[in-house]
Amino acid sequence: MSKKNLTTEKSAKKTLRTQIENKLFSAFEDLKSIVGEKKFSRHVKKASKILAAGAKDPKPKKVKKAAKPTKAAKAAEHVS
């Protein structure tokens, strides 16, 4: 069984989550020394997950197909 090659591209939600984590880390650096490194990083990850949960991935727009001509329109073409 062969393994499939997976792309390393992250989804938009994951990149947003990492951006939020980085901003929270830089905004609350003084709390890191008070609370502790491990606990602080855990809380920042949870907060970024909650904040990123509201973001939705944009769905591709559906293209409408052209309407098929009706029987009456086809009959009018043949008559003329």
PDB file of N, CA and C in Angstrom:
ATOM      1  N   MET A   1       0.837  -1.171   0.000  1.00  0.00           N
ATOM      2  CA  MET A   1       0.000   0.000   0.000  1.00  0.00           C
ATOM      3  C   MET A   1       0.885   1.239   0.000  1.00  0.00           C
ATOM      4  N   SER A   2       0.656   2.128  -0.913  1.00  0.00           N
ATOM      5  CA  SER A   2       1.492   3.322  -0.989  1.00  0.00           C
ATOM      6  C   SER A   2       0.841   4.468  -0.225  1.00  0.00           C
ATOM      7  N   LYS A   3       1.702   5.323   0.265  1.00  0.00           N
ATOM      8  CA  LYS A   3       1.201   6.488   0.997  1.00  0.00           C
ATOM      9  C   LYS A   3       0.929   7.619   0.018  1.00  0.00           C
ATOM     10  N   LYS A   4      -0.115   8.353   0.259  1.00  0.00           N
ATOM     11  CA  LYS A   4      -0.453   9.483  -0.600  1.00  0.00           C
ATOM     12  C   LYS A   4       0.411  10.674  -0.218  1.00  0.00           C
ATOM     13  N   ASN A   5       0.787  11.444  -1.206  1.00  0.00           N
ATOM     14  CA  ASN A   5       1.536  12.663  -0.935  1.00  0.00           C
ATOM     15  C   ASN A   5       0.561  13.740  -0.497  1.00  0.00           C
ATOM     16  N   LEU A   6       0.757  14.216   0.707  1.00  0.00           N
ATOM     17  CA  LEU A   6      -0.129  15.234   1.243  1.00  0.00           C
ATOM     18  C   LEU A   6       0.498  16.599   1.032  1.00  0.00           C
ATOM     19  N   THR A   7      -0.318  17.581   0.721  1.00  0.00           N
ATOM     20  CA  THR A   7       0.201  18.930   0.558  1.00  0.00           C
ATOM     21  C   THR A   7       0.469  19.523   1.925  1.00  0.00           C
ATOM     22  N   THR A   8       1.463  20.386   1.992  1.00  0.00           N
ATOM     23  CA  THR A   8       1.825  21.002   3.263  1.00  0.00           C
ATOM     24  C   THR A   8       1.097  22.317   3.461  1.00  0.00           C
ATOM     25  N   GLU A   9       0.219  22.651   2.564  1.00  0.00           N
ATOM     26  CA  GLU A   9      -0.519  23.902   2.649  1.00  0.00           C
ATOM     27  C   GLU A   9      -1.547  23.828   3.772  1.00  0.00           C
ATOM     28  N   LYS A  10      -1.562  24.854   4.629  1.00  0.00           N
ATOM     29  CA  LYS A  10      -2.506  24.891   5.740  1.00  0.00           C
ATOM     30  C   LYS A  10      -3.806  25.536   5.285  1.00  0.00           C
ATOM     31  N   SER A  11      -4.870  25.200   5.961  1.00  0.00           N
ATOM     32  CA  SER A  11      -6.141  25.817   5.642  1.00  0.00           C
ATOM     33  C   SER A  11      -6.155  27.250   6.167  1.00  0.00           C
ATOM     34  N   ALA A  12      -7.094  28.022   5.691  1.00  0.00           N
ATOM     35  CA  ALA A  12      -7.177  29.429   6.084  1.00  0.00           C
ATOM     36  C   ALA A  12      -7.460  29.562   7.576  1.00  0.00           C
ATOM     37  N   LYS A  13      -8.230  28.623   8.111  1.00  0.00           N
ATOM     38  CA  LYS A  13      -8.574  28.672   9.528  1.00  0.00           C
ATOM     39  C   LYS A  13      -7.348  28.431  10.408  1.00  0.00           C
ATOM     40  N   LYS A  14      -6.486  27.511   9.995  1.00  0.00           N
ATOM     41  CA  LYS A  14      -5.289  27.216  10.783  1.00  0.00           C
ATOM     42  C   LYS A  14      -4.301  28.369  10.737  1.00  0.00           C
ATOM     43  N   THR A  15      -4.162  28.998   9.583  1.00  0.00           N
ATOM     44  CA  THR A  15      -3.254  30.144   9.504  1.00  0.00           C
ATOM     45  C   THR A  15      -3.784  31.297  10.338  1.00  0.00           C
ATOM     46  N   LEU A  16      -5.091  31.484  10.331  1.00  0.00           N
ATOM     47  CA  LEU A  16      -5.698  32.520  11.163  1.00  0.00           C
ATOM     48  C   LEU A  16      -5.453  32.224  12.635  1.00  0.00           C
ATOM     49  N   ARG A  17      -5.565  30.973  12.999  1.00  0.00           N
ATOM     50  CA  ARG A  17      -5.357  30.566  14.394  1.00  0.00           C
ATOM     51  C   ARG A  17      -3.919  30.830  14.848  1.00  0.00           C
ATOM     52  N   THR A  18      -2.959  30.542  13.999  1.00  0.00           N
ATOM     53  CA  THR A  18      -1.563  30.806  14.362  1.00  0.00           C
ATOM     54  C   THR A  18      -1.283  32.297  14.449  1.00  0.00           C
ATOM     55  N   GLN A  19      -1.921  33.085  13.593  1.00  0.00           N
ATOM     56  CA  GLN A  19      -1.760  34.542  13.666  1.00  0.00           C
ATOM     57  C   GLN A  19      -2.327  35.077  14.973  1.00  0.00           C
ATOM     58  N   ILE A  20      -3.476  34.562  15.377  1.00  0.00           N
ATOM     59  CA  ILE A  20      -4.088  34.982  16.643  1.00  0.00           C
ATOM     60  C   ILE A  20      -3.191  34.584  17.811  1.00  0.00           C
ATOM     61  N   GLU A  21      -2.634  33.371  17.770  1.00  0.00           N
ATOM     62  CA  GLU A  21      -1.728  32.924  18.833  1.00  0.00           C
ATOM     63  C   GLU A  21      -0.531  33.852  18.957  1.00  0.00           C
ATOM     64  N   ASN A  22       0.068  34.212  17.833  1.00  0.00           N
ATOM     65  CA  ASN A  22       1.241  35.092  17.860  1.00  0.00           C
ATOM     66  C   ASN A  22       0.904  36.456  18.449  1.00  0.00           C
ATOM     67  N   LYS A  23      -0.252  36.992  18.099  1.00  0.00           N
ATOM     68  CA  LYS A  23      -0.648  38.301  18.619  1.00  0.00           C
ATOM     69  C   LYS A  23      -0.946  38.241  20.114  1.00  0.00           C
ATOM     70  N   LEU A  24      -1.576  37.155  20.560  1.00  0.00           N
ATOM     71  CA  LEU A  24      -1.860  37.012  21.985  1.00  0.00           C
ATOM     72  C   LEU A  24      -0.574  36.827  22.788  1.00  0.00           C
ATOM     73  N   PHE A  25       0.370  36.066  22.241  1.00  0.00           N
ATOM     74  CA  PHE A  25       1.658  35.897  22.920  1.00  0.00           C
ATOM     75  C   PHE A  25       2.354  37.236  23.100  1.00  0.00           C
ATOM     76  N   SER A  26       2.351  38.059  22.042  1.00  0.00           N
ATOM     77  CA  SER A  26       3.049  39.342  22.133  1.00  0.00           C
ATOM     78  C   SER A  26       2.286  40.341  23.004  1.00  0.00           C
ATOM     79  N   ALA A  27       0.968  40.251  23.032  1.00  0.00           N
ATOM     80  CA  ALA A  27       0.171  41.206  23.806  1.00  0.00           C
ATOM     81  C   ALA A  27       0.242  40.935  25.308  1.00  0.00           C
ATOM     82  N   PHE A  28       0.342  39.676  25.697  1.00  0.00           N
ATOM     83  CA  PHE A  28       0.304  39.321  27.116  1.00  0.00           C
ATOM     84  C   PHE A  28       1.603  38.682  27.600  1.00  0.00           C
ATOM     85  N   GLU A  29       2.744  39.192  27.155  1.00  0.00           N
ATOM     86  CA  GLU A  29       4.031  38.618  27.564  1.00  0.00           C
ATOM     87  C   GLU A  29       4.275  38.736  29.059  1.00  0.00           C
ATOM     88  N   ASP A  30       3.778  39.803  29.676  1.00  0.00           N
ATOM     89  CA  ASP A  30       4.000  39.982  31.112  1.00  0.00           C
ATOM     90  C   ASP A  30       3.266  38.923  31.939  1.00  0.00           C
ATOM     91  N   LEU A  31       2.153  38.411  31.434  1.00  0.00           N
ATOM     92  CA  LEU A  31       1.420  37.359  32.151  1.00  0.00           C
ATOM     93  C   LEU A  31       2.144  36.015  32.100  1.00  0.00           C
ATOM     94  N   LYS A  32       2.981  35.839  31.090  1.00  0.00           N
ATOM     95  CA  LYS A  32       3.698  34.574  30.942  1.00  0.00           C
ATOM     96  C   LYS A  32       4.578  34.297  32.158  1.00  0.00           C
ATOM     97  N   SER A  33       5.235  35.329  32.674  1.00  0.00           N
ATOM     98  CA  SER A  33       6.110  35.123  33.830  1.00  0.00           C
ATOM     99  C   SER A  33       5.306  34.899  35.114  1.00  0.00           C
ATOM    100  N   ILE A  34       4.120  35.473  35.190  1.00  0.00           N
ATOM    101  CA  ILE A  34       3.280  35.329  36.382  1.00  0.00           C
ATOM    102  C   ILE A  34       2.624  33.944  36.429  1.00  0.00           C
ATOM    103  N   VAL A  35       2.003  33.550  35.333  1.00  0.00           N
ATOM    104  CA  VAL A  35       1.241  32.302  35.278  1.00  0.00           C
ATOM    105  C   VAL A  35       2.152  31.092  35.072  1.00  0.00           C
ATOM    106  N   GLY A  36       3.159  31.254  34.264  1.00  0.00           N
ATOM    107  CA  GLY A  36       4.040  30.134  33.918  1.00  0.00           C
ATOM    108  C   GLY A  36       3.959  29.865  32.426  1.00  0.00           C
ATOM    109  N   GLU A  37       5.063  29.428  31.860  1.00  0.00           N
ATOM    110  CA  GLU A  37       5.166  29.225  30.407  1.00  0.00           C
ATOM    111  C   GLU A  37       4.158  28.207  29.882  1.00  0.00           C
ATOM    112  N   LYS A  38       4.093  27.050  30.503  1.00  0.00           N
ATOM    113  CA  LYS A  38       3.249  25.961  30.011  1.00  0.00           C
ATOM    114  C   LYS A  38       1.762  26.311  30.108  1.00  0.00           C
ATOM    115  N   LYS A  39       1.357  26.817  31.245  1.00  0.00           N
ATOM    116  CA  LYS A  39      -0.048  27.165  31.456  1.00  0.00           C
ATOM    117  C   LYS A  39      -0.459  28.311  30.532  1.00  0.00           C
ATOM    118  N   PHE A  40       0.448  29.272  30.367  1.00  0.00           N
ATOM    119  CA  PHE A  40       0.167  30.422  29.512  1.00  0.00           C
ATOM    120  C   PHE A  40      -0.034  29.985  28.062  1.00  0.00           C
ATOM    121  N   SER A  41       0.850  29.141  27.562  1.00  0.00           N
ATOM    122  CA  SER A  41       0.731  28.701  26.170  1.00  0.00           C
ATOM    123  C   SER A  41      -0.534  27.875  25.957  1.00  0.00           C
ATOM    124  N   ARG A  42      -0.917  27.083  26.948  1.00  0.00           N
ATOM    125  CA  ARG A  42      -2.138  26.284  26.845  1.00  0.00           C
ATOM    126  C   ARG A  42      -3.368  27.186  26.761  1.00  0.00           C
ATOM    127  N   HIS A  43      -3.404  28.226  27.595  1.00  0.00           N
ATOM    128  CA  HIS A  43      -4.551  29.136  27.584  1.00  0.00           C
ATOM    129  C   HIS A  43      -4.607  29.962  26.301  1.00  0.00           C
ATOM    130  N   VAL A  44      -3.450  30.341  25.787  1.00  0.00           N
ATOM    131  CA  VAL A  44      -3.416  31.098  24.533  1.00  0.00           C
ATOM    132  C   VAL A  44      -3.921  30.233  23.389  1.00  0.00           C
ATOM    133  N   LYS A  45      -3.536  28.964  23.354  1.00  0.00           N
ATOM    134  CA  LYS A  45      -4.009  28.066  22.304  1.00  0.00           C
ATOM    135  C   LYS A  45      -5.521  27.882  22.370  1.00  0.00           C
ATOM    136  N   LYS A  46      -6.052  27.738  23.576  1.00  0.00           N
ATOM    137  CA  LYS A  46      -7.502  27.583  23.731  1.00  0.00           C
ATOM    138  C   LYS A  46      -8.238  28.839  23.277  1.00  0.00           C
ATOM    139  N   ALA A  47      -7.702  30.003  23.662  1.00  0.00           N
ATOM    140  CA  ALA A  47      -8.339  31.266  23.287  1.00  0.00           C
ATOM    141  C   ALA A  47      -8.298  31.467  21.778  1.00  0.00           C
ATOM    142  N   SER A  48      -7.187  31.137  21.151  1.00  0.00           N
ATOM    143  CA  SER A  48      -7.087  31.304  19.702  1.00  0.00           C
ATOM    144  C   SER A  48      -8.025  30.346  18.978  1.00  0.00           C
ATOM    145  N   LYS A  49      -8.212  29.160  19.532  1.00  0.00           N
ATOM    146  CA  LYS A  49      -9.131  28.197  18.927  1.00  0.00           C
ATOM    147  C   LYS A  49     -10.568  28.712  18.986  1.00  0.00           C
ATOM    148  N   ILE A  50     -10.936  29.296  20.120  1.00  0.00           N
ATOM    149  CA  ILE A  50     -12.287  29.834  20.281  1.00  0.00           C
ATOM    150  C   ILE A  50     -12.507  31.023  19.351  1.00  0.00           C
ATOM    151  N   LEU A  51     -11.509  31.908  19.265  1.00  0.00           N
ATOM    152  CA  LEU A  51     -11.640  33.084  18.412  1.00  0.00           C
ATOM    153  C   LEU A  51     -11.681  32.713  16.931  1.00  0.00           C
ATOM    154  N   ALA A  52     -10.910  31.726  16.530  1.00  0.00           N
ATOM    155  CA  ALA A  52     -10.869  31.316  15.125  1.00  0.00           C
ATOM    156  C   ALA A  52     -12.086  30.482  14.739  1.00  0.00           C
ATOM    157  N   ALA A  53     -12.819  29.969  15.712  1.00  0.00           N
ATOM    158  CA  ALA A  53     -13.985  29.133  15.412  1.00  0.00           C
ATOM    159  C   ALA A  53     -15.079  29.924  14.713  1.00  0.00           C
ATOM    160  N   GLY A  54     -15.139  31.214  14.944  1.00  0.00           N
ATOM    161  CA  GLY A  54     -16.161  32.037  14.314  1.00  0.00           C
ATOM    162  C   GLY A  54     -15.875  32.337  12.858  1.00  0.00           C
ATOM    163  N   ALA A  55     -14.637  32.168  12.430  1.00  0.00           N
ATOM    164  CA  ALA A  55     -14.276  32.443  11.043  1.00  0.00           C
ATOM    165  C   ALA A  55     -14.739  31.299  10.159  1.00  0.00           C
ATOM    166  N   LYS A  56     -15.268  31.638   9.013  1.00  0.00           N
ATOM    167  CA  LYS A  56     -15.739  30.630   8.080  1.00  0.00           C
ATOM    168  C   LYS A  56     -14.889  30.684   6.821  1.00  0.00           C
ATOM    169  N   ASP A  57     -14.617  29.515   6.252  1.00  0.00           N
ATOM    170  CA  ASP A  57     -13.882  29.452   5.001  1.00  0.00           C
ATOM    171  C   ASP A  57     -14.808  29.898   3.874  1.00  0.00           C
ATOM    172  N   PRO A  58     -14.306  30.734   2.973  1.00  0.00           N
ATOM    173  CA  PRO A  58     -15.167  31.159   1.865  1.00  0.00           C
ATOM    174  C   PRO A  58     -15.445  29.989   0.929  1.00  0.00           C
ATOM    175  N   LYS A  59     -16.706  29.807   0.613  1.00  0.00           N
ATOM    176  CA  LYS A  59     -17.096  28.727  -0.283  1.00  0.00           C
ATOM    177  C   LYS A  59     -17.013  29.231  -1.723  1.00  0.00           C
ATOM    178  N   PRO A  60     -16.636  28.380  -2.649  1.00  0.00           N
ATOM    179  CA  PRO A  60     -16.589  28.816  -4.046  1.00  0.00           C
ATOM    180  C   PRO A  60     -17.994  29.114  -4.552  1.00  0.00           C
ATOM    181  N   LYS A  61     -18.085  30.147  -5.354  1.00  0.00           N
ATOM    182  CA  LYS A  61     -19.393  30.532  -5.879  1.00  0.00           C
ATOM    183  C   LYS A  61     -19.835  29.541  -6.942  1.00  0.00           C
ATOM    184  N   LYS A  62     -21.120  29.242  -6.937  1.00  0.00           N
ATOM    185  CA  LYS A  62     -21.672  28.323  -7.921  1.00  0.00           C
ATOM    186  C   LYS A  62     -22.023  29.101  -9.184  1.00  0.00           C
ATOM    187  N   VAL A  63     -21.695  28.525 -10.312  1.00  0.00           N
ATOM    188  CA  VAL A  63     -21.999  29.145 -11.592  1.00  0.00           C
ATOM    189  C   VAL A  63     -23.325  28.579 -12.067  1.00  0.00           C
ATOM    190  N   LYS A  64     -24.247  29.477 -12.379  1.00  0.00           N
ATOM    191  CA  LYS A  64     -25.555  29.034 -12.852  1.00  0.00           C
ATOM    192  C   LYS A  64     -25.456  28.626 -14.314  1.00  0.00           C
ATOM    193  N   LYS A  65     -26.104  27.539 -14.639  1.00  0.00           N
ATOM    194  CA  LYS A  65     -26.127  27.072 -16.019  1.00  0.00           C
ATOM    195  C   LYS A  65     -27.183  27.847 -16.789  1.00  0.00           C
ATOM    196  N   ALA A  66     -26.954  27.999 -18.086  1.00  0.00           N
ATOM    197  CA  ALA A  66     -27.918  28.694 -18.932  1.00  0.00           C
ATOM    198  C   ALA A  66     -29.194  27.858 -19.007  1.00  0.00           C
ATOM    199  N   ALA A  67     -30.317  28.545 -18.989  1.00  0.00           N
ATOM    200  CA  ALA A  67     -31.606  27.858 -19.027  1.00  0.00           C
ATOM    201  C   ALA A  67     -31.807  27.226 -20.400  1.00  0.00           C
ATOM    202  N   LYS A  68     -32.348  26.028 -20.398  1.00  0.00           N
ATOM    203  CA  LYS A  68     -32.623  25.337 -21.654  1.00  0.00           C
ATOM    204  C   LYS A  68     -33.851  25.973 -22.302  1.00  0.00           C
ATOM    205  N   PRO A  69     -33.842  26.091 -23.616  1.00  0.00           N
ATOM    206  CA  PRO A  69     -35.015  26.663 -24.281  1.00  0.00           C
ATOM    207  C   PRO A  69     -36.230  25.740 -24.116  1.00  0.00           C
ATOM    208  N   THR A  70     -37.368  26.351 -23.964  1.00  0.00           N
ATOM    209  CA  THR A  70     -38.596  25.584 -23.770  1.00  0.00           C
ATOM    210  C   THR A  70     -39.078  24.999 -25.091  1.00  0.00           C
ATOM    211  N   LYS A  71     -40.048  24.117 -24.998  1.00  0.00           N
ATOM    212  CA  LYS A  71     -40.595  23.481 -26.199  1.00  0.00           C
ATOM    213  C   LYS A  71     -41.249  24.515 -27.105  1.00  0.00           C
ATOM    214  N   ALA A  72     -41.897  25.505 -26.503  1.00  0.00           N
ATOM    215  CA  ALA A  72     -42.561  26.539 -27.297  1.00  0.00           C
ATOM    216  C   ALA A  72     -41.531  27.359 -28.072  1.00  0.00           C
ATOM    217  N   ALA A  73     -40.396  27.645 -27.463  1.00  0.00           N
ATOM    218  CA  ALA A  73     -39.355  28.418 -28.138  1.00  0.00           C
ATOM    219  C   ALA A  73     -38.743  27.607 -29.275  1.00  0.00           C
ATOM    220  N   LYS A  74     -38.567  26.301 -29.065  1.00  0.00           N
ATOM    221  CA  LYS A  74     -38.033  25.446 -30.123  1.00  0.00           C
ATOM    222  C   LYS A  74     -39.004  25.376 -31.295  1.00  0.00           C
ATOM    223  N   ALA A  75     -40.296  25.287 -30.987  1.00  0.00           N
ATOM    224  CA  ALA A  75     -41.314  25.217 -32.034  1.00  0.00           C
ATOM    225  C   ALA A  75     -41.355  26.515 -32.828  1.00  0.00           C
ATOM    226  N   ALA A  76     -41.169  27.639 -32.166  1.00  0.00           N
ATOM    227  CA  ALA A  76     -41.191  28.931 -32.845  1.00  0.00           C
ATOM    228  C   ALA A  76     -39.998  29.061 -33.793  1.00  0.00           C
ATOM    229  N   GLU A  77     -38.852  28.469 -33.445  1.00  0.00           N
ATOM    230  CA  GLU A  77     -37.678  28.530 -34.313  1.00  0.00           C
ATOM    231  C   GLU A  77     -37.907  27.722 -35.588  1.00  0.00           C
ATOM    232  N   HIS A  78     -38.539  26.577 -35.462  1.00  0.00           N
ATOM    233  CA  HIS A  78     -38.756  25.716 -36.619  1.00  0.00           C
ATOM    234  C   HIS A  78     -39.819  26.292 -37.553  1.00  0.00           C
ATOM    235  N   VAL A  79     -40.776  27.019 -37.033  1.00  0.00           N
ATOM    236  CA  VAL A  79     -41.863  27.571 -37.840  1.00  0.00           C
ATOM    237  C   VAL A  79     -41.348  28.727 -38.687  1.00  0.00           C
ATOM    238  N   SER A  80     -40.469  29.536 -38.132  1.00  0.00           N
ATOM    239  CA  SER A  80     -40.041  30.715 -38.882  1.00  0.00           C
ATOM    240  C   SER A  80     -39.027  30.448 -39.928  1.00  0.00           C
TER     241      SER A  80
END
